[in-house]
N, C-alpha and C. Protein backbone atom coordinates (compact mmCIF):
# COMPACT_ATOMS: atom_id res chain seq x y z
N UNK A 1 0.83 -1.10 -0.26
CA UNK A 1 0.17 0.16 -0.46
C UNK A 1 1.20 1.30 0.21
N UNK A 2 0.66 2.42 -0.86
CA UNK A 2 1.38 3.29 -0.93
C UNK A 2 0.83 4.46 0.20
N UNK A 3 1.61 5.41 0.07
CA UNK A 3 1.36 6.42 1.18
C UNK A 3 1.04 8.03 0.29
N UNK A 4 0.71 7.77 -0.77
CA UNK A 4 0.33 8.78 -1.62
C UNK A 4 -1.13 9.76 -1.16
N UNK A 5 -2.03 9.63 -0.44
CA UNK A 5 -3.05 10.34 -0.03
C UNK A 5 -2.47 11.13 1.41
N UNK A 6 -1.51 10.28 2.28
CA UNK A 6 -1.09 11.49 3.12
C UNK A 6 -0.03 12.50 2.76
N UNK A 7 0.81 12.04 1.43
CA UNK A 7 1.75 12.87 0.97
C UNK A 7 1.00 14.37 0.37
N UNK A 8 0.11 13.56 -0.52
CA UNK A 8 -0.99 14.91 -1.32
C UNK A 8 -1.64 15.86 -0.33
N UNK A 9 -2.43 15.07 0.74
CA UNK A 9 -2.75 16.33 1.44
C UNK A 9 -1.53 17.30 2.31
N UNK A 10 -0.56 16.33 2.55
CA UNK A 10 0.32 17.65 2.84
C UNK A 10 0.46 18.18 1.83
N UNK A 11 0.57 18.31 0.69
CA UNK A 11 0.96 19.41 -0.24
C UNK A 11 -0.20 20.29 -0.16
N UNK A 12 -1.22 19.69 0.20
CA UNK A 12 -2.51 20.69 -0.10
C UNK A 12 -2.92 21.38 0.85
N UNK A 13 -2.45 21.46 2.32
CA UNK A 13 -2.42 21.73 3.34
C UNK A 13 -2.36 23.55 3.03
N UNK A 14 -1.78 23.62 2.63
CA UNK A 14 -1.68 25.62 2.81
C UNK A 14 -2.49 26.00 1.91
N UNK A 15 -3.27 25.58 0.90
CA UNK A 15 -4.44 25.56 0.16
C UNK A 15 -5.66 25.50 0.97
N UNK A 16 -5.65 25.16 2.00
CA UNK A 16 -6.87 24.70 2.86
C UNK A 16 -7.61 23.54 1.82
N UNK A 17 -6.98 22.51 1.48
CA UNK A 17 -7.99 21.61 0.60
C UNK A 17 -7.50 19.99 1.00
N UNK A 18 -8.02 19.11 0.91
CA UNK A 18 -7.47 17.72 1.03
C UNK A 18 -8.62 16.91 0.14
N UNK A 19 -7.99 15.81 0.13
CA UNK A 19 -8.65 14.48 -0.59
C UNK A 19 -9.87 13.98 0.16
N UNK A 20 -10.86 13.78 -1.00
CA UNK A 20 -11.88 13.07 -0.43
C UNK A 20 -11.76 11.68 -0.29
N UNK A 21 -11.33 11.16 0.96
CA UNK A 21 -11.31 9.74 1.14
C UNK A 21 -12.56 8.84 2.04
N UNK A 22 -13.24 8.47 1.20
CA UNK A 22 -14.49 8.06 1.71
C UNK A 22 -14.24 6.43 2.43
N UNK A 23 -15.08 6.25 3.80
CA UNK A 23 -15.12 5.14 3.96
C UNK A 23 -15.76 4.15 3.65
N UNK A 24 -15.50 2.95 2.97
CA UNK A 24 -16.63 2.31 2.47
C UNK A 24 -16.28 0.69 2.83
N UNK A 25 -16.94 -0.39 2.23
CA UNK A 25 -17.15 -1.67 3.07
C UNK A 25 -16.14 -2.60 1.67
N UNK A 26 -15.12 -3.07 1.96
CA UNK A 26 -14.24 -3.65 1.18
C UNK A 26 -15.24 -5.12 0.96
N UNK A 27 -15.15 -6.08 -0.37
CA UNK A 27 -15.19 -6.90 -0.46
C UNK A 27 -16.02 -7.96 1.09
N UNK A 28 -14.76 -8.29 1.67
CA UNK A 28 -15.22 -9.23 2.87
C UNK A 28 -15.55 -8.39 3.89
N UNK A 29 -16.51 -7.38 3.73
CA UNK A 29 -16.92 -6.59 4.73
C UNK A 29 -15.94 -5.50 5.75
N UNK A 30 -14.99 -5.70 5.50
CA UNK A 30 -14.11 -4.65 6.57
C UNK A 30 -14.01 -3.44 5.81
N UNK A 31 -13.71 -2.27 7.22
CA UNK A 31 -14.02 -1.19 6.56
C UNK A 31 -12.68 -0.30 5.90
N UNK A 32 -12.60 0.14 5.00
CA UNK A 32 -11.52 0.93 3.85
C UNK A 32 -11.58 2.34 3.40
N UNK A 33 -10.82 2.93 4.16
CA UNK A 33 -10.45 4.27 3.93
C UNK A 33 -9.02 4.54 3.17
N UNK A 34 -8.53 4.01 2.50
CA UNK A 34 -7.34 4.49 1.56
C UNK A 34 -7.62 4.52 0.18
N UNK A 35 -8.44 4.79 -0.48
CA UNK A 35 -8.49 4.95 -1.53
C UNK A 35 -9.60 6.44 -1.94
N UNK A 36 -8.93 7.37 -2.75
CA UNK A 36 -9.79 8.65 -3.05
C UNK A 36 -11.16 8.48 -3.88
N UNK A 37 -11.90 9.25 -3.88
CA UNK A 37 -13.00 9.32 -4.60
C UNK A 37 -13.29 9.83 -5.75
N UNK A 38 -13.52 9.41 -7.15
CA UNK A 38 -13.61 10.07 -7.77
C UNK A 38 -14.86 10.53 -8.32
N UNK A 39 -15.44 12.09 -8.18
CA UNK A 39 -16.40 12.86 -8.42
C UNK A 39 -17.18 12.13 -9.23
N UNK A 40 -18.62 12.14 -8.86
CA UNK A 40 -19.66 11.97 -10.03
C UNK A 40 -20.90 12.78 -9.83
N UNK A 41 -21.29 13.02 -10.96
CA UNK A 41 -22.66 13.82 -10.91
C UNK A 41 -23.40 13.07 -11.69
N UNK A 42 -25.08 13.32 -11.77
CA UNK A 42 -26.40 12.95 -12.34
C UNK A 42 -25.79 13.43 -14.02
N UNK A 43 -26.57 13.05 -14.87
CA UNK A 43 -26.32 13.03 -16.00
C UNK A 43 -27.49 13.83 -16.47
N UNK A 44 -28.54 13.56 -15.78
CA UNK A 44 -30.23 13.98 -16.25
C UNK A 44 -30.77 14.31 -14.45
N UNK A 45 -30.99 15.26 -14.36
CA UNK A 45 -31.78 15.85 -13.37
C UNK A 45 -33.25 15.17 -12.85
N UNK A 46 -33.82 14.80 -14.34
CA UNK A 46 -35.09 14.44 -13.68
C UNK A 46 -35.29 12.93 -13.20
N UNK A 47 -34.00 12.33 -13.56
CA UNK A 47 -34.17 10.94 -13.13
C UNK A 47 -33.55 10.91 -11.89
N UNK A 48 -34.45 9.96 -11.28
CA UNK A 48 -34.22 10.29 -9.20
C UNK A 48 -33.04 9.66 -8.70
N UNK A 49 -32.72 8.81 -9.66
CA UNK A 49 -31.32 7.73 -9.09
C UNK A 49 -29.94 8.67 -8.75
N UNK A 50 -29.62 8.25 -7.67
CA UNK A 50 -28.25 9.04 -7.16
C UNK A 50 -27.15 8.39 -8.27
N UNK A 51 -26.24 9.10 -8.73
CA UNK A 51 -25.15 8.45 -9.08
C UNK A 51 -24.66 7.95 -8.20
N UNK A 52 -23.75 6.79 -9.07
CA UNK A 52 -22.98 5.87 -8.25
C UNK A 52 -21.26 6.44 -7.87
N UNK A 53 -21.15 6.03 -6.86
CA UNK A 53 -19.49 6.50 -6.49
C UNK A 53 -18.53 5.47 -7.14
N UNK A 54 -17.60 6.15 -7.59
CA UNK A 54 -16.45 5.94 -8.31
C UNK A 54 -15.29 5.72 -7.84
N UNK A 55 -14.60 4.41 -7.48
CA UNK A 55 -13.26 4.81 -6.65
C UNK A 55 -12.30 3.65 -7.51
N UNK A 56 -10.76 4.14 -7.74
CA UNK A 56 -9.97 3.53 -8.40
C UNK A 56 -9.44 2.07 -7.82
N UNK A 57 -9.21 1.26 -8.62
CA UNK A 57 -8.14 0.24 -8.41
C UNK A 57 -6.83 0.26 -8.37
N UNK A 58 -6.54 1.43 -8.57
CA UNK A 58 -5.07 1.71 -8.79
C UNK A 58 -5.05 3.02 -7.93
N UNK A 59 -3.52 3.23 -7.22
CA UNK A 59 -3.93 4.73 -7.07
C UNK A 59 -3.37 5.72 -7.92
N UNK A 60 -4.11 6.50 -8.61
CA UNK A 60 -3.82 7.79 -9.13
C UNK A 60 -2.94 8.56 -9.25
N UNK A 61 -2.02 8.50 -8.33
CA UNK A 61 -0.63 8.87 -8.32
C UNK A 61 0.12 8.39 -8.59
N UNK A 62 0.52 7.24 -8.16
CA UNK A 62 1.60 6.15 -8.47
C UNK A 62 1.70 5.45 -9.23
N UNK A 63 0.14 4.66 -9.31
CA UNK A 63 0.23 3.84 -10.36
C UNK A 63 0.17 2.11 -9.47
N UNK A 64 0.26 2.31 -8.16
CA UNK A 64 0.26 0.67 -7.71
C UNK A 64 -0.94 0.63 -7.19
N UNK A 65 -1.41 -0.74 -7.27
CA UNK A 65 -2.53 -1.29 -7.07
C UNK A 65 -3.05 -1.41 -5.63
N UNK A 66 -4.26 -1.30 -5.28
CA UNK A 66 -4.71 -1.12 -4.29
C UNK A 66 -5.23 -2.57 -3.60
N UNK A 67 -4.48 -3.51 -2.68
CA UNK A 67 -4.91 -4.75 -2.67
C UNK A 67 -5.87 -4.98 -1.86
N UNK A 68 -6.50 -6.21 -1.63
CA UNK A 68 -7.42 -6.23 -0.91
C UNK A 68 -7.12 -7.27 0.10
N UNK A 69 -6.44 -6.46 1.30
CA UNK A 69 -5.75 -7.61 1.86
C UNK A 69 -6.53 -8.02 3.17
């Protein structure tokens, strides 16, 4: 597992910004807070369904795979 989230958040501190890292269930029902969230929006406001969350399988900063340990 990489430490890119911590590194990027440290770089963003002086801009009063941090990455959005959601807490989600992994496949084996453990909590995970080690991935950034890719922001999604609804394409059609008339549709009542919410946009689905998107989380990458690889770190968008260094390219390392997020392992399901």
